[in-house]
């Protein structure tokens, strides 16, 4: 990600105008109640005055190797949808409604370009559910429940849940979820295994290496690899932080590897 990139899609991001909340409200009211020419002009001003909002959102997706220009264009589509569907009479800041809309549009784009294929019918159901959610959120000022979405679409709740889960973007096991100084915890550190009895620690016969570990290190490895507990569960039982469990676990494994 080129965080210092100035020009995206021919737009100089260093010179983007930022609207105040009061200015946004005036423009949104014109979009809703103005004459056709006033609506068009206010809409264009609202779009150009919120491009920095799009820019701030796409920075969340910069570690995926996607083209910044493409993400920016998709984010602008989400921005326009947010402007067209926003109800200025509700006491909600535009960014509160606009950011989830922009994120949703980018996620749809990334899902459509994902290597994991989902059936067309299930994807269509998911998109209808997300569109209904956005519509009901704009109308009610709060997110609807899954049951409300299903009832509005006239389909089963189970179908909505399955469709939405099917298009969720896969998460890498090496995705960082917490960092405490140099101790980074990844998704794989939070995954437990209660069924696999063939763990490599159960197979190696290096009692000498394990015997050199402290009692706490032995207990952590036993709970993690023999009992299949997550680092969070281990931390709760021992009475230390998850970051400490991660550090002790990695240190113990390094000692064993050196002995091997």
Protein backbone atom coordinates (compact mmCIF):
# COMPACT_ATOMS: atom_id res chain seq x y z
CA UNK A 1 0.00 0.00 0.00
CA UNK A 2 1.32 3.37 -0.98
CA UNK A 3 -0.02 5.41 1.91
CA UNK A 4 1.71 8.46 0.51
CA UNK A 5 0.16 8.05 -2.94
CA UNK A 6 -1.26 11.45 -3.89
CA UNK A 7 -3.16 10.66 -7.08
CA UNK A 8 -5.85 7.97 -7.27
CA UNK A 9 -8.02 7.63 -10.40
CA UNK A 10 -6.72 11.02 -11.52
CA UNK A 11 -7.85 12.64 -8.26
CA UNK A 12 -5.29 14.60 -6.23
CA UNK A 13 -6.12 13.29 -2.76
CA UNK A 14 -3.99 15.96 -1.10
CA UNK A 15 -6.40 18.63 -2.28
CA UNK A 16 -9.71 16.92 -1.53
CA UNK A 17 -12.31 19.13 0.12
CA UNK A 18 -13.75 18.01 3.46
CA UNK A 19 -17.28 19.10 4.30
CA UNK A 20 -18.36 20.01 7.80
CA UNK A 21 -21.30 18.14 9.31
CA UNK A 22 -23.48 21.26 8.92
CA UNK A 23 -22.58 21.54 5.23
CA UNK A 24 -23.44 17.89 4.71
CA UNK A 25 -26.85 18.34 6.30
CA UNK A 26 -27.63 21.33 4.05
CA UNK A 27 -26.66 19.38 0.93
CA UNK A 28 -28.58 16.28 2.02
CA UNK A 29 -31.72 18.33 2.56
CA UNK A 30 -31.34 19.84 -0.92
CA UNK A 31 -30.90 16.35 -2.38
CA UNK A 32 -34.13 15.31 -0.71
CA UNK A 33 -36.31 18.42 -1.10
CA UNK A 34 -34.68 20.64 -3.73
CA UNK A 35 -35.53 21.21 -7.39
CA UNK A 36 -34.03 18.75 -9.92
CA UNK A 37 -31.15 21.12 -10.69
CA UNK A 38 -30.52 21.75 -6.96
CA UNK A 39 -30.58 18.02 -6.25
CA UNK A 40 -28.05 17.28 -9.00
CA UNK A 41 -25.67 20.05 -7.92
CA UNK A 42 -25.96 19.14 -4.21
CA UNK A 43 -25.34 15.47 -5.01
CA UNK A 44 -22.16 16.29 -6.93
CA UNK A 45 -20.93 18.51 -4.08
CA UNK A 46 -21.76 15.79 -1.56
CA UNK A 47 -19.78 13.22 -3.52
CA UNK A 48 -16.70 15.41 -4.01
CA UNK A 49 -16.84 16.53 -0.38
CA UNK A 50 -16.74 12.92 0.92
CA UNK A 51 -14.00 11.43 -1.25
CA UNK A 52 -11.61 11.56 1.72
CA UNK A 53 -14.09 9.36 3.57
CA UNK A 54 -13.74 6.80 0.76
CA UNK A 55 -9.97 7.15 0.91
CA UNK A 56 -9.91 6.47 4.66
CA UNK A 57 -12.05 3.35 4.18
CA UNK A 58 -9.99 1.75 1.39
CA UNK A 59 -6.88 1.98 3.56
CA UNK A 60 -8.39 -0.85 5.62
CA UNK A 61 -8.09 -3.14 2.60
CA UNK A 62 -4.60 -2.26 1.45
CA UNK A 63 -2.91 -5.47 2.66
CA UNK A 64 -4.80 -7.61 0.12
CA UNK A 65 -2.76 -6.72 -2.94
CA UNK A 66 -5.72 -5.05 -4.67
CA UNK A 67 -5.31 -2.12 -7.04
CA UNK A 68 -5.92 1.13 -5.15
CA UNK A 69 -7.62 2.78 -8.11
CA UNK A 70 -10.09 -0.11 -8.37
CA UNK A 71 -10.88 0.00 -4.65
CA UNK A 72 -11.34 3.76 -4.79
CA UNK A 73 -13.80 3.50 -7.68
CA UNK A 74 -15.78 0.78 -5.93
CA UNK A 75 -15.76 2.82 -2.72
CA UNK A 76 -17.17 5.79 -4.63
CA UNK A 77 -20.05 3.60 -5.81
CA UNK A 78 -20.76 2.78 -2.16
CA UNK A 79 -20.59 6.49 -1.33
CA UNK A 80 -23.14 7.36 -4.03
CA UNK A 81 -25.48 4.62 -2.81
CA UNK A 82 -25.17 5.98 0.72
CA UNK A 83 -25.99 9.51 -0.45
CA UNK A 84 -28.99 8.32 -2.47
CA UNK A 85 -30.42 6.23 0.38
CA UNK A 86 -29.60 8.39 3.39
CA UNK A 87 -32.50 9.92 5.31
CA UNK A 88 -31.39 13.37 6.57
CA UNK A 89 -34.40 13.58 8.90
CA UNK A 90 -32.90 10.88 11.15
CA UNK A 91 -30.53 12.12 13.84
CA UNK A 92 -27.58 10.18 12.44
CA UNK A 93 -24.27 11.50 11.14
CA UNK A 94 -23.80 10.77 7.45
CA UNK A 95 -20.46 9.04 8.05
CA UNK A 96 -22.14 6.63 10.49
CA UNK A 97 -24.32 5.44 7.64
CA UNK A 98 -21.88 6.01 4.78
CA UNK A 99 -18.85 4.10 6.08
CA UNK A 100 -20.67 0.71 6.39
CA UNK A 101 -22.15 1.26 2.91
CA UNK A 102 -18.70 1.91 1.41
CA UNK A 103 -17.20 -1.06 3.25
CA UNK A 104 -20.07 -3.28 2.09
CA UNK A 105 -19.55 -2.30 -1.54
CA UNK A 106 -15.82 -3.01 -1.34
CA UNK A 107 -16.41 -6.36 0.34
CA UNK A 108 -18.89 -7.33 -2.37
CA UNK A 109 -16.27 -6.46 -4.97
CA UNK A 110 -13.62 -8.53 -3.19
CA UNK A 111 -16.00 -11.47 -2.78
CA UNK A 112 -16.89 -11.41 -6.49
CA UNK A 113 -13.17 -11.53 -7.30
CA UNK A 114 -12.39 -14.22 -4.74
CA UNK A 115 -11.07 -17.62 -5.82
CA UNK A 116 -13.60 -19.38 -3.57
CA UNK A 117 -16.68 -19.85 -5.73
CA UNK A 118 -20.22 -19.60 -4.36
CA UNK A 119 -23.31 -20.60 -6.35
CA UNK A 120 -25.07 -17.80 -8.23
CA UNK A 121 -28.40 -18.37 -6.48
CA UNK A 122 -26.86 -18.24 -3.01
CA UNK A 123 -24.86 -15.12 -3.90
CA UNK A 124 -28.01 -13.45 -5.24
CA UNK A 125 -29.84 -14.27 -1.99
CA UNK A 126 -26.98 -12.80 0.02
CA UNK A 127 -26.93 -9.59 -2.02
CA UNK A 128 -30.71 -9.20 -1.71
CA UNK A 129 -30.38 -9.66 2.04
CA UNK A 130 -27.61 -7.02 2.26
CA UNK A 131 -29.59 -4.58 0.12
CA UNK A 132 -32.67 -5.12 2.29
CA UNK A 133 -30.53 -4.60 5.40
CA UNK A 134 -29.23 -1.29 4.01
CA UNK A 135 -32.74 -0.17 3.06
CA UNK A 136 -34.27 -1.07 6.43
CA UNK A 137 -31.35 0.55 8.28
CA UNK A 138 -31.91 3.79 6.36
CA UNK A 139 -35.66 3.70 7.03
CA UNK A 140 -35.55 2.67 10.70
CA UNK A 141 -32.26 4.22 11.80
CA UNK A 142 -31.05 0.87 13.17
CA UNK A 143 -29.92 -2.47 11.83
CA UNK A 144 -32.72 -5.04 11.33
CA UNK A 145 -32.54 -8.57 12.73
CA UNK A 146 -32.06 -11.60 10.49
CA UNK A 147 -35.71 -12.52 11.07
CA UNK A 148 -36.85 -9.07 9.92
CA UNK A 149 -34.73 -9.33 6.77
CA UNK A 150 -36.06 -12.83 6.02
CA UNK A 151 -39.68 -11.72 6.52
CA UNK A 152 -39.19 -8.70 4.27
CA UNK A 153 -37.75 -10.91 1.51
CA UNK A 154 -40.32 -13.66 2.03
CA UNK A 155 -37.71 -16.39 2.51
CA UNK A 156 -36.64 -18.63 5.36
CA UNK A 157 -34.33 -17.30 8.06
CA UNK A 158 -32.02 -20.29 7.53
CA UNK A 159 -31.60 -19.39 3.85
CA UNK A 160 -30.56 -15.84 4.75
CA UNK A 161 -28.01 -17.05 7.32
CA UNK A 162 -26.50 -19.66 4.96
CA UNK A 163 -26.27 -17.20 2.08
CA UNK A 164 -24.58 -14.50 4.16
CA UNK A 165 -22.12 -16.99 5.67
CA UNK A 166 -21.29 -18.41 2.22
CA UNK A 167 -19.99 -15.09 0.92
CA UNK A 168 -17.94 -14.15 3.98
CA UNK A 169 -14.37 -13.66 2.89
CA UNK A 170 -11.99 -16.38 4.18
CA UNK A 171 -9.59 -15.27 6.91
CA UNK A 172 -5.94 -16.26 6.81
CA UNK A 173 -4.61 -18.28 9.75
CA UNK A 174 -1.76 -15.79 9.81
CA UNK A 175 -4.08 -12.77 10.16
CA UNK A 176 -2.93 -10.81 13.25
CA UNK A 177 -5.68 -10.27 15.82
CA UNK A 178 -3.70 -8.67 18.66
CA UNK A 179 -0.25 -7.22 19.19
CA UNK A 180 1.43 -6.42 22.49
CA UNK A 181 4.83 -5.01 21.67
CA UNK A 182 6.72 -7.78 19.89
CA UNK A 183 4.17 -10.46 20.86
CA UNK A 184 1.73 -10.78 17.97
CA UNK A 185 -1.20 -13.18 18.25
CA UNK A 186 -2.50 -14.67 15.02
CA UNK A 187 -5.77 -16.41 14.16
CA UNK A 188 -4.01 -19.80 14.25
CA UNK A 189 -3.04 -19.13 17.89
CA UNK A 190 -6.72 -19.01 18.84
CA UNK A 191 -7.69 -22.25 17.12
CA UNK A 192 -8.10 -25.24 19.42
CA UNK A 193 -8.07 -28.92 18.43
CA UNK A 194 -10.00 -31.34 20.61
CA UNK A 195 -10.08 -34.27 18.18
CA UNK A 196 -6.59 -34.72 16.73
CA UNK A 197 -4.67 -37.29 18.76
CA UNK A 198 -1.75 -37.41 16.36
CA UNK A 199 -0.28 -34.07 17.33
CA UNK A 200 3.46 -33.93 16.74
CA UNK A 201 4.15 -33.36 20.44
CA UNK A 202 2.42 -36.67 21.22
CA UNK A 203 4.57 -38.52 18.73
CA UNK A 204 8.07 -37.30 19.51
CA UNK A 205 10.00 -39.25 22.10
CA UNK A 206 12.29 -36.55 23.39
CA UNK A 207 11.48 -36.63 27.08
CA UNK A 208 14.82 -35.04 27.85
CA UNK A 209 13.93 -31.90 25.89
CA UNK A 210 10.54 -31.59 27.55
CA UNK A 211 11.92 -32.28 31.01
CA UNK A 212 14.13 -29.18 30.72
CA UNK A 213 11.06 -26.96 30.52
CA UNK A 214 9.62 -25.18 33.52
CA UNK A 215 6.43 -26.49 35.13
CA UNK A 216 4.46 -23.59 33.68
CA UNK A 217 5.80 -24.23 30.17
CA UNK A 218 4.97 -27.94 30.45
CA UNK A 219 1.45 -27.13 31.61
CA UNK A 220 0.87 -24.68 28.76
CA UNK A 221 2.07 -27.16 26.12
CA UNK A 222 -0.01 -29.92 27.66
CA UNK A 223 -3.17 -27.80 27.65
CA UNK A 224 -2.51 -26.46 24.16
CA UNK A 225 -1.44 -29.61 22.30
CA UNK A 226 -2.82 -32.53 24.29
CA UNK A 227 -6.08 -31.02 25.53
CA UNK A 228 -6.66 -28.86 22.45
CA UNK A 229 -7.34 -25.66 24.38
CA UNK A 230 -7.02 -22.20 22.82
CA UNK A 231 -4.54 -19.68 24.17
CA UNK A 232 -7.44 -17.70 25.62
CA UNK A 233 -8.68 -20.75 27.53
CA UNK A 234 -5.17 -21.50 28.79
CA UNK A 235 -4.73 -17.90 29.93
CA UNK A 236 -8.00 -18.06 31.87
CA UNK A 237 -7.02 -21.23 33.73
CA UNK A 238 -3.47 -20.19 34.54
CA UNK A 239 -4.33 -16.60 35.38
CA UNK A 240 -2.08 -14.72 32.94
CA UNK A 241 -2.70 -12.76 29.73
CA UNK A 242 -3.07 -14.37 26.33
CA UNK A 243 0.01 -12.47 25.16
CA UNK A 244 2.03 -14.08 27.97
CA UNK A 245 0.71 -17.53 27.03
CA UNK A 246 1.74 -16.91 23.43
CA UNK A 247 5.22 -15.81 24.47
CA UNK A 248 5.76 -18.76 26.83
CA UNK A 249 4.42 -21.25 24.29
CA UNK A 250 6.70 -20.00 21.52
CA UNK A 251 9.68 -19.95 23.90
CA UNK A 252 9.04 -23.54 25.02
CA UNK A 253 8.70 -24.78 21.44
CA UNK A 254 11.94 -23.01 20.48
CA UNK A 255 13.75 -24.82 23.34
CA UNK A 256 12.43 -28.19 22.18
CA UNK A 257 13.38 -27.49 18.56
CA UNK A 258 16.92 -26.62 19.61
CA UNK A 259 17.21 -29.92 21.49
CA UNK A 260 15.94 -31.80 18.43
